[in-house]
Amino acid sequence: CTGRGNLIVAERGLLVVDRERLDALNQIDEAVTVATLPSFALVEPRQMAATVKIIPFSVPRGVLNKCLAIAQSGDEPLLRVAPLRPRPVGLVQTQVPGTKESVLDKTKEAVDARLAALDCLPARELRCGHNESEIAHAVADLRGSGCEIVLVSGASAIVDRRDVVPAGIVAAGGTVEHFGMPVDPGNLILIARLGSVPVLGLPGCARS
């Protein structure tokens, strides 16, 4: 006996963890630990998603009952796997004079490979000039065609909220929700929305 129980995934999807309840459970007693993969990790069948360890092999019933009370509270399970739901995705690529089509082709291939890993079809792509008006029309066209997420890969990196890509999204009727992310590479990501459709301004590293 190891005092350990592993939780194994039954279906492919995203692991959703109620972090607040998990932390509360782990603070009840040092003898009880529950460790999980990060929330929203992509998991596969037969993969271990979490492990429950009773460090001294046994605990008093009172401690166990407190843990069970937290685990069973809430509207959703403490841990669950949300199945992937394929969504139609649009991709806008902007270009300036001198932009090589081969660079845009490779970007499309990289995006499609990531989408395939999430069970999505290849992106519906539009290429346009690197200016506010054309970006606005392209983003609106993709939303109108049924895309539930629109990605925008600019010919140059987004500098600030007034730059061409965010300005084009706003001109289409969208709103910029956040610019910048504390990660590297990828800190120049733009998060926006056009109605109910998320629009992401991709950082340059999305090409590689």
C-alpha atoms as a PDB file:
ATOM      1  CA  CYS A   1       0.000   0.000   0.000  1.00  0.00           C
ATOM      2  CA  THR A   2       1.369   3.417  -0.941  1.00  0.00           C
ATOM      3  CA  GLY A   3      -1.451   5.597   0.391  1.00  0.00           C
ATOM      4  CA  ARG A   4      -1.855   6.982  -3.115  1.00  0.00           C
ATOM      5  CA  GLY A   5      -4.699   7.056  -5.610  1.00  0.00           C
ATOM      6  CA  ASN A   6      -4.256   8.302  -9.177  1.00  0.00           C
ATOM      7  CA  LEU A   7      -7.053   9.848 -11.226  1.00  0.00           C
ATOM      8  CA  ILE A   8      -6.887   8.749 -14.853  1.00  0.00           C
ATOM      9  CA  VAL A   9      -8.509  10.563 -17.762  1.00  0.00           C
ATOM     10  CA  ALA A  10     -11.237   8.707 -19.648  1.00  0.00           C
ATOM     11  CA  GLU A  11     -11.681  11.072 -22.607  1.00  0.00           C
ATOM     12  CA  ARG A  12      -9.704  13.681 -24.495  1.00  0.00           C
ATOM     13  CA  GLY A  13     -10.306  17.286 -23.510  1.00  0.00           C
ATOM     14  CA  LEU A  14      -9.274  20.146 -21.245  1.00  0.00           C
ATOM     15  CA  LEU A  15      -8.738  19.523 -17.557  1.00  0.00           C
ATOM     16  CA  VAL A  16     -10.774  22.030 -15.537  1.00  0.00           C
ATOM     17  CA  VAL A  17      -9.685  22.501 -11.933  1.00  0.00           C
ATOM     18  CA  ASP A  18     -11.531  24.484  -9.281  1.00  0.00           C
ATOM     19  CA  ARG A  19      -8.368  26.035  -7.886  1.00  0.00           C
ATOM     20  CA  GLU A  20     -10.040  27.711  -4.906  1.00  0.00           C
ATOM     21  CA  ARG A  21     -11.578  24.465  -3.645  1.00  0.00           C
ATOM     22  CA  LEU A  22      -8.416  22.517  -4.398  1.00  0.00           C
ATOM     23  CA  ASP A  23      -6.331  24.939  -2.319  1.00  0.00           C
ATOM     24  CA  ALA A  24      -8.872  24.773   0.498  1.00  0.00           C
ATOM     25  CA  LEU A  25      -8.748  20.975   0.499  1.00  0.00           C
ATOM     26  CA  ASN A  26      -4.943  20.934   0.558  1.00  0.00           C
ATOM     27  CA  GLN A  27      -4.927  23.286   3.557  1.00  0.00           C
ATOM     28  CA  ILE A  28      -7.072  21.063   5.773  1.00  0.00           C
ATOM     29  CA  ASP A  29      -4.269  18.816   6.991  1.00  0.00           C
ATOM     30  CA  GLU A  30      -0.671  18.225   5.926  1.00  0.00           C
ATOM     31  CA  ALA A  31      -1.403  14.497   5.767  1.00  0.00           C
ATOM     32  CA  VAL A  32      -3.704  14.941   2.750  1.00  0.00           C
ATOM     33  CA  THR A  33      -2.395  16.204  -0.590  1.00  0.00           C
ATOM     34  CA  VAL A  34      -4.076  16.436  -3.971  1.00  0.00           C
ATOM     35  CA  ALA A  35      -1.812  17.369  -6.893  1.00  0.00           C
ATOM     36  CA  THR A  36      -3.165  18.014 -10.379  1.00  0.00           C
ATOM     37  CA  LEU A  37      -2.022  19.011 -13.815  1.00  0.00           C
ATOM     38  CA  PRO A  38      -2.519  22.734 -14.526  1.00  0.00           C
ATOM     39  CA  SER A  39      -6.076  23.806 -15.219  1.00  0.00           C
ATOM     40  CA  PHE A  40      -6.934  23.816 -18.941  1.00  0.00           C
ATOM     41  CA  ALA A  41      -4.153  21.355 -19.742  1.00  0.00           C
ATOM     42  CA  LEU A  42      -4.949  19.247 -22.807  1.00  0.00           C
ATOM     43  CA  VAL A  43      -5.294  15.664 -21.592  1.00  0.00           C
ATOM     44  CA  GLU A  44      -5.596  12.339 -23.360  1.00  0.00           C
ATOM     45  CA  PRO A  45      -7.328   9.059 -22.400  1.00  0.00           C
ATOM     46  CA  ARG A  46      -5.344   6.990 -19.878  1.00  0.00           C
ATOM     47  CA  GLN A  47      -3.269  10.020 -18.865  1.00  0.00           C
ATOM     48  CA  MET A  48      -2.897  10.758 -15.152  1.00  0.00           C
ATOM     49  CA  ALA A  49      -4.594  14.067 -14.326  1.00  0.00           C
ATOM     50  CA  ALA A  50      -4.228  14.076 -10.551  1.00  0.00           C
ATOM     51  CA  THR A  51      -2.890  12.099  -7.646  1.00  0.00           C
ATOM     52  CA  VAL A  52      -4.260  11.903  -4.101  1.00  0.00           C
ATOM     53  CA  LYS A  53      -1.653  11.067  -1.484  1.00  0.00           C
ATOM     54  CA  ILE A  54      -2.283  10.265   2.175  1.00  0.00           C
ATOM     55  CA  ILE A  55       1.239  10.874   3.413  1.00  0.00           C
ATOM     56  CA  PRO A  56       1.119   8.842   6.662  1.00  0.00           C
ATOM     57  CA  PHE A  57      -1.035   6.130   4.938  1.00  0.00           C
ATOM     58  CA  SER A  58      -4.116   6.947   7.041  1.00  0.00           C
ATOM     59  CA  VAL A  59      -5.910   9.952   8.537  1.00  0.00           C
ATOM     60  CA  PRO A  60      -8.639  10.449  11.153  1.00  0.00           C
ATOM     61  CA  ARG A  61     -12.205  10.209   9.880  1.00  0.00           C
ATOM     62  CA  GLY A  62     -12.777  13.860  10.822  1.00  0.00           C
ATOM     63  CA  VAL A  63     -10.036  15.015   8.448  1.00  0.00           C
ATOM     64  CA  LEU A  64     -11.376  12.800   5.685  1.00  0.00           C
ATOM     65  CA  ASN A  65     -14.899  14.138   6.158  1.00  0.00           C
ATOM     66  CA  LYS A  66     -13.676  17.742   5.857  1.00  0.00           C
ATOM     67  CA  CYS A  67     -11.893  16.873   2.614  1.00  0.00           C
ATOM     68  CA  LEU A  68     -14.966  15.131   1.240  1.00  0.00           C
ATOM     69  CA  ALA A  69     -17.173  18.083   2.154  1.00  0.00           C
ATOM     70  CA  ILE A  70     -15.021  20.438   0.077  1.00  0.00           C
ATOM     71  CA  ALA A  71     -14.685  17.984  -2.803  1.00  0.00           C
ATOM     72  CA  GLN A  72     -18.468  17.478  -2.946  1.00  0.00           C
ATOM     73  CA  SER A  73     -19.408  21.149  -2.616  1.00  0.00           C
ATOM     74  CA  GLY A  74     -20.027  23.439  -5.564  1.00  0.00           C
ATOM     75  CA  ASP A  75     -22.049  23.074  -8.738  1.00  0.00           C
ATOM     76  CA  GLU A  76     -19.246  21.344 -10.659  1.00  0.00           C
ATOM     77  CA  PRO A  77     -16.822  18.575  -9.695  1.00  0.00           C
ATOM     78  CA  LEU A  78     -13.509  19.632  -8.180  1.00  0.00           C
ATOM     79  CA  LEU A  79     -11.850  18.202 -11.302  1.00  0.00           C
ATOM     80  CA  ARG A  80     -13.473  17.521 -14.639  1.00  0.00           C
ATOM     81  CA  VAL A  81     -12.543  17.070 -18.271  1.00  0.00           C
ATOM     82  CA  ALA A  82     -14.332  19.385 -20.690  1.00  0.00           C
ATOM     83  CA  PRO A  83     -14.532  17.625 -24.079  1.00  0.00           C
ATOM     84  CA  LEU A  84     -13.143  19.505 -27.042  1.00  0.00           C
ATOM     85  CA  ARG A  85     -15.723  21.170 -29.266  1.00  0.00           C
ATOM     86  CA  PRO A  86     -14.400  21.920 -32.749  1.00  0.00           C
ATOM     87  CA  ARG A  87     -15.023  25.509 -33.786  1.00  0.00           C
ATOM     88  CA  PRO A  88     -14.695  27.197 -37.177  1.00  0.00           C
ATOM     89  CA  VAL A  89     -11.668  29.493 -37.020  1.00  0.00           C
ATOM     90  CA  GLY A  90     -10.760  32.398 -39.286  1.00  0.00           C
ATOM     91  CA  LEU A  91      -7.268  33.692 -40.001  1.00  0.00           C
ATOM     92  CA  VAL A  92      -6.436  37.148 -41.310  1.00  0.00           C
ATOM     93  CA  GLN A  93      -2.885  37.669 -42.571  1.00  0.00           C
ATOM     94  CA  THR A  94      -1.772  41.147 -43.488  1.00  0.00           C
ATOM     95  CA  GLN A  95       0.995  41.914 -45.931  1.00  0.00           C
ATOM     96  CA  VAL A  96       3.067  44.846 -47.040  1.00  0.00           C
ATOM     97  CA  PRO A  97       5.015  45.275 -50.293  1.00  0.00           C
ATOM     98  CA  GLY A  98       7.761  42.710 -50.267  1.00  0.00           C
ATOM     99  CA  THR A  99       5.994  40.197 -48.023  1.00  0.00           C
ATOM    100  CA  LYS A 100       6.771  36.712 -49.326  1.00  0.00           C
ATOM    101  CA  GLU A 101       3.812  34.455 -49.948  1.00  0.00           C
ATOM    102  CA  SER A 102       5.918  31.571 -48.636  1.00  0.00           C
ATOM    103  CA  VAL A 103       6.056  33.241 -45.209  1.00  0.00           C
ATOM    104  CA  LEU A 104       2.275  33.544 -45.152  1.00  0.00           C
ATOM    105  CA  ASP A 105       1.933  29.934 -46.319  1.00  0.00           C
ATOM    106  CA  LYS A 106       4.135  28.730 -43.461  1.00  0.00           C
ATOM    107  CA  THR A 107       2.118  30.741 -40.951  1.00  0.00           C
ATOM    108  CA  LYS A 108      -1.072  29.141 -42.236  1.00  0.00           C
ATOM    109  CA  GLU A 109       0.501  25.694 -41.909  1.00  0.00           C
ATOM    110  CA  ALA A 110       1.593  26.399 -38.326  1.00  0.00           C
ATOM    111  CA  VAL A 111      -1.862  27.665 -37.344  1.00  0.00           C
ATOM    112  CA  ASP A 112      -3.602  24.717 -38.995  1.00  0.00           C
ATOM    113  CA  ALA A 113      -1.344  22.261 -37.164  1.00  0.00           C
ATOM    114  CA  ARG A 114      -2.320  23.821 -33.834  1.00  0.00           C
ATOM    115  CA  LEU A 115      -5.990  23.721 -34.783  1.00  0.00           C
ATOM    116  CA  ALA A 116      -5.737  20.070 -35.806  1.00  0.00           C
ATOM    117  CA  ALA A 117      -4.370  19.265 -32.344  1.00  0.00           C
ATOM    118  CA  LEU A 118      -7.633  20.716 -30.976  1.00  0.00           C
ATOM    119  CA  ASP A 119      -9.794  18.721 -33.435  1.00  0.00           C
ATOM    120  CA  CYS A 120     -10.608  21.822 -35.508  1.00  0.00           C
ATOM    121  CA  LEU A 121     -10.697  22.086 -39.285  1.00  0.00           C
ATOM    122  CA  PRO A 122      -8.094  24.255 -41.075  1.00  0.00           C
ATOM    123  CA  ALA A 123      -8.629  27.988 -40.689  1.00  0.00           C
ATOM    124  CA  ARG A 124     -10.568  29.980 -43.249  1.00  0.00           C
ATOM    125  CA  GLU A 125      -7.929  32.446 -44.428  1.00  0.00           C
ATOM    126  CA  LEU A 126      -8.098  35.952 -45.838  1.00  0.00           C
ATOM    127  CA  ARG A 127      -5.019  37.955 -46.853  1.00  0.00           C
ATOM    128  CA  CYS A 128      -5.159  41.721 -46.986  1.00  0.00           C
ATOM    129  CA  GLY A 129      -3.085  44.866 -46.852  1.00  0.00           C
ATOM    130  CA  HIS A 130      -1.609  45.983 -43.543  1.00  0.00           C
ATOM    131  CA  ASN A 131      -4.032  48.834 -42.978  1.00  0.00           C
ATOM    132  CA  GLU A 132      -6.999  49.546 -40.726  1.00  0.00           C
ATOM    133  CA  SER A 133      -9.695  49.454 -43.412  1.00  0.00           C
ATOM    134  CA  GLU A 134      -8.730  46.128 -44.999  1.00  0.00           C
ATOM    135  CA  ILE A 135      -8.258  44.458 -41.629  1.00  0.00           C
ATOM    136  CA  ALA A 136     -11.699  45.655 -40.536  1.00  0.00           C
ATOM    137  CA  HIS A 137     -13.323  44.207 -43.659  1.00  0.00           C
ATOM    138  CA  ALA A 138     -11.471  40.892 -43.369  1.00  0.00           C
ATOM    139  CA  VAL A 139     -12.330  40.398 -39.703  1.00  0.00           C
ATOM    140  CA  ALA A 140     -15.977  41.261 -40.320  1.00  0.00           C
ATOM    141  CA  ASP A 141     -16.138  38.950 -43.355  1.00  0.00           C
ATOM    142  CA  LEU A 142     -14.804  35.989 -41.378  1.00  0.00           C
ATOM    143  CA  ARG A 143     -17.235  36.578 -38.537  1.00  0.00           C
ATOM    144  CA  GLY A 144     -20.045  36.873 -41.047  1.00  0.00           C
ATOM    145  CA  SER A 145     -19.048  33.562 -42.622  1.00  0.00           C
ATOM    146  CA  GLY A 146     -19.601  31.758 -39.317  1.00  0.00           C
ATOM    147  CA  CYS A 147     -16.140  31.766 -37.751  1.00  0.00           C
ATOM    148  CA  GLU A 148     -16.374  31.547 -33.964  1.00  0.00           C
ATOM    149  CA  ILE A 149     -12.778  32.683 -33.402  1.00  0.00           C
ATOM    150  CA  VAL A 150     -10.739  35.024 -35.597  1.00  0.00           C
ATOM    151  CA  LEU A 151      -6.946  35.175 -35.524  1.00  0.00           C
ATOM    152  CA  VAL A 152      -5.036  38.121 -36.979  1.00  0.00           C
ATOM    153  CA  SER A 153      -1.390  37.746 -37.945  1.00  0.00           C
ATOM    154  CA  GLY A 154       0.057  41.141 -38.814  1.00  0.00           C
ATOM    155  CA  ALA A 155       2.904  41.915 -41.173  1.00  0.00           C
ATOM    156  CA  SER A 156       4.539  43.727 -38.253  1.00  0.00           C
ATOM    157  CA  ALA A 157       4.313  43.311 -34.492  1.00  0.00           C
ATOM    158  CA  ILE A 158       1.587  45.160 -32.612  1.00  0.00           C
ATOM    159  CA  VAL A 159       3.179  48.107 -30.803  1.00  0.00           C
ATOM    160  CA  ASP A 160       0.242  49.419 -28.759  1.00  0.00           C
ATOM    161  CA  ARG A 161      -3.561  49.660 -28.712  1.00  0.00           C
ATOM    162  CA  ARG A 162      -3.489  52.357 -31.406  1.00  0.00           C
ATOM    163  CA  ASP A 163      -1.561  50.221 -33.874  1.00  0.00           C
ATOM    164  CA  VAL A 164      -2.981  48.987 -37.176  1.00  0.00           C
ATOM    165  CA  VAL A 165      -4.312  45.581 -36.077  1.00  0.00           C
ATOM    166  CA  PRO A 166      -6.231  46.751 -32.973  1.00  0.00           C
ATOM    167  CA  ALA A 167      -7.438  49.811 -34.889  1.00  0.00           C
ATOM    168  CA  GLY A 168      -8.798  47.563 -37.629  1.00  0.00           C
ATOM    169  CA  ILE A 169     -10.623  45.381 -35.113  1.00  0.00           C
ATOM    170  CA  VAL A 170     -12.175  48.463 -33.500  1.00  0.00           C
ATOM    171  CA  ALA A 171     -13.135  49.829 -36.944  1.00  0.00           C
ATOM    172  CA  ALA A 172     -15.019  46.577 -37.550  1.00  0.00           C
ATOM    173  CA  GLY A 173     -17.062  47.249 -34.406  1.00  0.00           C
ATOM    174  CA  GLY A 174     -14.909  45.272 -32.000  1.00  0.00           C
ATOM    175  CA  THR A 175     -13.391  46.120 -28.642  1.00  0.00           C
ATOM    176  CA  VAL A 176      -9.863  45.557 -27.363  1.00  0.00           C
ATOM    177  CA  GLU A 177      -9.999  43.745 -24.032  1.00  0.00           C
ATOM    178  CA  HIS A 178      -6.295  43.353 -23.254  1.00  0.00           C
ATOM    179  CA  PHE A 179      -2.939  43.909 -24.900  1.00  0.00           C
ATOM    180  CA  GLY A 180       0.209  42.199 -23.685  1.00  0.00           C
ATOM    181  CA  MET A 181       0.862  39.044 -21.693  1.00  0.00           C
ATOM    182  CA  PRO A 182       3.544  38.269 -19.068  1.00  0.00           C
ATOM    183  CA  VAL A 183       5.054  35.433 -21.120  1.00  0.00           C
ATOM    184  CA  ASP A 184       8.007  35.195 -23.450  1.00  0.00           C
ATOM    185  CA  PRO A 185       7.777  34.483 -26.327  1.00  0.00           C
ATOM    186  CA  GLY A 186       4.283  35.791 -26.961  1.00  0.00           C
ATOM    187  CA  ASN A 187       4.059  38.941 -24.849  1.00  0.00           C
ATOM    188  CA  LEU A 188       2.635  40.967 -27.751  1.00  0.00           C
ATOM    189  CA  ILE A 189      -0.654  39.060 -27.962  1.00  0.00           C
ATOM    190  CA  LEU A 190      -3.837  41.098 -28.347  1.00  0.00           C
ATOM    191  CA  ILE A 191      -7.162  39.906 -26.942  1.00  0.00           C
ATOM    192  CA  ALA A 192     -10.232  41.503 -28.481  1.00  0.00           C
ATOM    193  CA  ARG A 193     -13.848  40.718 -29.243  1.00  0.00           C
ATOM    194  CA  LEU A 194     -16.199  41.403 -32.138  1.00  0.00           C
ATOM    195  CA  GLY A 195     -19.664  40.829 -30.694  1.00  0.00           C
ATOM    196  CA  SER A 196     -19.527  37.329 -29.239  1.00  0.00           C
ATOM    197  CA  VAL A 197     -16.529  36.309 -31.368  1.00  0.00           C
ATOM    198  CA  PRO A 198     -13.061  36.377 -29.763  1.00  0.00           C
ATOM    199  CA  VAL A 199     -10.432  38.034 -31.950  1.00  0.00           C
ATOM    200  CA  LEU A 200      -6.758  37.408 -31.191  1.00  0.00           C
ATOM    201  CA  GLY A 201      -3.935  39.521 -32.557  1.00  0.00           C
ATOM    202  CA  LEU A 202      -1.149  36.960 -32.786  1.00  0.00           C
ATOM    203  CA  PRO A 203       2.387  37.664 -31.587  1.00  0.00           C
ATOM    204  CA  GLY A 204       5.204  37.155 -34.071  1.00  0.00           C
ATOM    205  CA  CYS A 205       6.219  33.852 -32.508  1.00  0.00           C
ATOM    206  CA  ALA A 206       2.984  32.319 -33.814  1.00  0.00           C
ATOM    207  CA  ARG A 207       4.728  31.986 -37.180  1.00  0.00           C
ATOM    208  CA  SER A 208       7.368  29.621 -35.799  1.00  0.00           C
END
